[in-house]
N, C-alpha and C. Protein backbone atom coordinates (compact mmCIF):
# COMPACT_ATOMS: atom_id res chain seq x y z
N MET A 1 -117.44 -38.80 2.30
CA MET A 1 -116.52 -39.74 2.91
C MET A 1 -116.44 -41.02 2.08
N SER A 2 -117.54 -41.36 1.43
CA SER A 2 -117.55 -42.59 0.62
C SER A 2 -116.63 -42.46 -0.60
N LYS A 3 -116.49 -41.24 -1.12
CA LYS A 3 -115.60 -41.03 -2.26
C LYS A 3 -114.14 -41.21 -1.86
N VAL A 4 -113.80 -40.81 -0.66
CA VAL A 4 -112.43 -40.98 -0.17
C VAL A 4 -112.13 -42.46 -0.01
N LYS A 5 -113.07 -43.20 0.55
CA LYS A 5 -112.89 -44.64 0.73
C LYS A 5 -112.77 -45.35 -0.62
N GLU A 6 -113.59 -44.93 -1.58
CA GLU A 6 -113.53 -45.51 -2.93
C GLU A 6 -112.19 -45.20 -3.59
N TYR A 7 -111.72 -43.97 -3.40
CA TYR A 7 -110.43 -43.58 -3.97
C TYR A 7 -109.30 -44.44 -3.40
N ILE A 8 -109.30 -44.65 -2.09
CA ILE A 8 -108.27 -45.46 -1.44
C ILE A 8 -108.34 -46.90 -1.93
N ASN A 9 -109.52 -47.46 -2.03
CA ASN A 9 -109.68 -48.83 -2.52
C ASN A 9 -109.18 -48.97 -3.96
N GLU A 10 -109.50 -48.01 -4.81
CA GLU A 10 -109.04 -48.04 -6.19
C GLU A 10 -107.52 -47.90 -6.27
N THR A 11 -106.95 -47.07 -5.41
CA THR A 11 -105.50 -46.89 -5.39
C THR A 11 -104.80 -48.18 -4.98
N VAL A 12 -105.31 -48.85 -3.95
CA VAL A 12 -104.72 -50.11 -3.50
C VAL A 12 -104.83 -51.16 -4.60
N THR A 13 -105.97 -51.25 -5.26
CA THR A 13 -106.17 -52.21 -6.35
C THR A 13 -105.19 -51.93 -7.49
N GLU A 14 -105.03 -50.68 -7.82
CA GLU A 14 -104.11 -50.29 -8.90
C GLU A 14 -102.67 -50.67 -8.55
N MET A 15 -102.25 -50.37 -7.33
CA MET A 15 -100.86 -50.63 -6.93
C MET A 15 -100.57 -52.12 -6.79
N VAL A 16 -101.54 -52.92 -6.40
CA VAL A 16 -101.32 -54.34 -6.16
C VAL A 16 -101.47 -55.16 -7.44
N HIS A 17 -102.47 -54.85 -8.25
CA HIS A 17 -102.81 -55.72 -9.37
C HIS A 17 -102.39 -55.21 -10.74
N ARG A 18 -102.28 -53.91 -10.92
CA ARG A 18 -102.06 -53.38 -12.27
C ARG A 18 -100.66 -52.81 -12.50
N VAL A 19 -99.96 -52.49 -11.46
CA VAL A 19 -98.62 -51.93 -11.60
C VAL A 19 -97.61 -53.05 -11.80
N THR A 20 -96.72 -52.86 -12.76
CA THR A 20 -95.65 -53.82 -12.98
C THR A 20 -94.42 -53.34 -12.21
N TRP A 21 -94.04 -54.07 -11.19
CA TRP A 21 -92.91 -53.70 -10.37
C TRP A 21 -91.65 -54.31 -10.95
N PRO A 22 -90.51 -53.61 -10.87
CA PRO A 22 -89.26 -54.17 -11.41
C PRO A 22 -88.78 -55.35 -10.57
N THR A 23 -88.06 -56.24 -11.22
CA THR A 23 -87.46 -57.35 -10.48
C THR A 23 -86.25 -56.83 -9.71
N TRP A 24 -85.75 -57.65 -8.80
CA TRP A 24 -84.59 -57.26 -8.00
C TRP A 24 -83.38 -57.02 -8.90
N LYS A 25 -83.21 -57.83 -9.94
CA LYS A 25 -82.08 -57.70 -10.87
C LYS A 25 -82.19 -56.39 -11.65
N GLU A 26 -83.39 -56.06 -12.13
CA GLU A 26 -83.59 -54.80 -12.85
C GLU A 26 -83.33 -53.60 -11.94
N LEU A 27 -83.78 -53.70 -10.72
CA LEU A 27 -83.59 -52.62 -9.76
C LEU A 27 -82.10 -52.38 -9.48
N GLN A 28 -81.34 -53.46 -9.33
CA GLN A 28 -79.90 -53.34 -9.10
C GLN A 28 -79.20 -52.72 -10.29
N SER A 29 -79.52 -53.17 -11.50
CA SER A 29 -78.83 -52.64 -12.68
C SER A 29 -79.17 -51.17 -12.91
N ASN A 30 -80.42 -50.80 -12.70
CA ASN A 30 -80.80 -49.39 -12.85
C ASN A 30 -80.15 -48.51 -11.78
N THR A 31 -80.01 -49.04 -10.58
CA THR A 31 -79.35 -48.28 -9.51
C THR A 31 -77.89 -48.05 -9.85
N ILE A 32 -77.23 -49.06 -10.38
CA ILE A 32 -75.82 -48.92 -10.76
C ILE A 32 -75.67 -47.86 -11.85
N ILE A 33 -76.59 -47.86 -12.82
CA ILE A 33 -76.54 -46.86 -13.89
C ILE A 33 -76.70 -45.45 -13.32
N VAL A 34 -77.62 -45.28 -12.40
CA VAL A 34 -77.85 -43.95 -11.80
C VAL A 34 -76.64 -43.50 -10.99
N VAL A 35 -76.02 -44.40 -10.23
CA VAL A 35 -74.84 -44.05 -9.43
C VAL A 35 -73.69 -43.65 -10.33
N ILE A 36 -73.45 -44.42 -11.39
CA ILE A 36 -72.35 -44.10 -12.31
C ILE A 36 -72.60 -42.77 -13.00
N ALA A 37 -73.82 -42.53 -13.46
CA ALA A 37 -74.14 -41.25 -14.10
C ALA A 37 -73.97 -40.09 -13.13
N SER A 38 -74.36 -40.28 -11.87
CA SER A 38 -74.21 -39.21 -10.87
C SER A 38 -72.74 -38.89 -10.62
N VAL A 39 -71.91 -39.92 -10.54
CA VAL A 39 -70.47 -39.70 -10.32
C VAL A 39 -69.86 -38.98 -11.51
N ILE A 40 -70.20 -39.40 -12.73
CA ILE A 40 -69.65 -38.76 -13.93
C ILE A 40 -70.07 -37.29 -14.00
N ILE A 41 -71.34 -37.02 -13.75
CA ILE A 41 -71.81 -35.63 -13.81
C ILE A 41 -71.16 -34.78 -12.73
N SER A 42 -70.99 -35.32 -11.51
CA SER A 42 -70.35 -34.55 -10.45
C SER A 42 -68.88 -34.29 -10.77
N LEU A 43 -68.20 -35.26 -11.40
CA LEU A 43 -66.81 -35.04 -11.80
C LEU A 43 -66.70 -33.98 -12.89
N ILE A 44 -67.63 -33.98 -13.83
CA ILE A 44 -67.63 -32.96 -14.88
C ILE A 44 -67.82 -31.57 -14.27
N ILE A 45 -68.74 -31.46 -13.34
CA ILE A 45 -68.98 -30.17 -12.68
C ILE A 45 -67.76 -29.74 -11.87
N PHE A 46 -67.11 -30.68 -11.18
CA PHE A 46 -65.90 -30.36 -10.42
C PHE A 46 -64.80 -29.86 -11.34
N VAL A 47 -64.58 -30.54 -12.47
CA VAL A 47 -63.53 -30.13 -13.40
C VAL A 47 -63.83 -28.75 -13.97
N MET A 48 -65.10 -28.49 -14.30
CA MET A 48 -65.46 -27.17 -14.81
C MET A 48 -65.24 -26.09 -13.77
N ASP A 49 -65.65 -26.34 -12.53
CA ASP A 49 -65.44 -25.36 -11.46
C ASP A 49 -63.95 -25.11 -11.23
N PHE A 50 -63.17 -26.18 -11.20
CA PHE A 50 -61.73 -26.03 -10.97
C PHE A 50 -61.08 -25.33 -12.15
N GLY A 51 -61.46 -25.69 -13.36
CA GLY A 51 -60.85 -25.11 -14.55
C GLY A 51 -61.14 -23.63 -14.70
N PHE A 52 -62.34 -23.22 -14.41
CA PHE A 52 -62.69 -21.82 -14.54
C PHE A 52 -62.38 -21.03 -13.28
N GLY A 53 -61.95 -21.69 -12.23
CA GLY A 53 -61.51 -21.01 -11.02
C GLY A 53 -62.62 -20.36 -10.25
N ILE A 54 -63.75 -20.99 -10.20
CA ILE A 54 -64.88 -20.42 -9.47
C ILE A 54 -64.74 -20.82 -8.01
N THR A 55 -64.02 -20.00 -7.27
CA THR A 55 -63.84 -20.24 -5.84
C THR A 55 -64.16 -18.95 -5.10
N GLY A 56 -64.55 -19.10 -3.87
CA GLY A 56 -64.83 -17.93 -3.06
C GLY A 56 -63.62 -17.46 -2.28
N ASP A 57 -62.51 -18.19 -2.40
CA ASP A 57 -61.31 -17.91 -1.62
C ASP A 57 -60.40 -16.96 -2.38
N LYS A 58 -60.10 -15.79 -1.81
CA LYS A 58 -59.22 -14.82 -2.48
C LYS A 58 -57.76 -15.22 -2.37
N ASP A 59 -57.39 -16.03 -1.39
CA ASP A 59 -56.01 -16.44 -1.19
C ASP A 59 -55.66 -17.70 -1.96
N SER A 60 -56.55 -18.17 -2.80
CA SER A 60 -56.34 -19.39 -3.55
C SER A 60 -55.20 -19.21 -4.55
N VAL A 61 -54.37 -20.24 -4.70
CA VAL A 61 -53.25 -20.19 -5.64
C VAL A 61 -53.77 -20.29 -7.07
N TRP A 62 -54.67 -21.21 -7.32
CA TRP A 62 -55.21 -21.41 -8.67
C TRP A 62 -56.43 -20.54 -8.84
N LYS A 63 -56.35 -19.59 -9.75
CA LYS A 63 -57.47 -18.69 -10.03
C LYS A 63 -58.27 -19.16 -11.24
N GLY A 64 -57.78 -20.18 -11.95
CA GLY A 64 -58.49 -20.71 -13.09
C GLY A 64 -58.31 -19.87 -14.33
N VAL A 65 -58.96 -20.26 -15.39
CA VAL A 65 -58.87 -19.57 -16.67
C VAL A 65 -59.38 -18.14 -16.54
N LEU A 66 -60.50 -17.96 -15.88
CA LEU A 66 -61.04 -16.61 -15.72
C LEU A 66 -60.11 -15.74 -14.87
N GLY A 67 -59.50 -16.33 -13.86
CA GLY A 67 -58.55 -15.58 -13.03
C GLY A 67 -57.34 -15.12 -13.84
N MET A 68 -56.85 -15.98 -14.74
CA MET A 68 -55.73 -15.60 -15.58
C MET A 68 -56.12 -14.48 -16.54
N ILE A 69 -57.31 -14.54 -17.09
CA ILE A 69 -57.78 -13.49 -18.00
C ILE A 69 -57.95 -12.19 -17.25
N TYR A 70 -58.52 -12.22 -16.05
CA TYR A 70 -58.69 -10.99 -15.25
C TYR A 70 -57.35 -10.39 -14.87
N LYS A 71 -56.34 -11.25 -14.64
CA LYS A 71 -55.02 -10.77 -14.25
C LYS A 71 -54.34 -10.03 -15.41
N MET A 72 -54.61 -10.45 -16.64
CA MET A 72 -53.99 -9.81 -17.80
C MET A 72 -54.51 -8.39 -18.01
N PHE A 73 -55.74 -8.13 -17.60
CA PHE A 73 -56.32 -6.80 -17.85
C PHE A 73 -56.24 -5.96 -16.66
C-alpha cells in the first residue's frame, strides 16, 4: 500500500511542478489548427467518396467514376 501512496505523491509532484502547461493563447492557436485540419481532411474524404461514387444507395443518380466504368462493361 505504501508503494501506491508513493506513486500517487510522485505523480502529483510531477504534474504540478515539472510539467510545462501551455498558455491560454497557445491552447487557442493549437485548437484552431486542429479544427482547420479536421475540416480539410473531412472535405477531402467527402470529395473522394462523392467522386468515386461510394454510396450504398442503388437509386442514386450519381454513381461516380467507378459507376461509370462499371456501366461501360
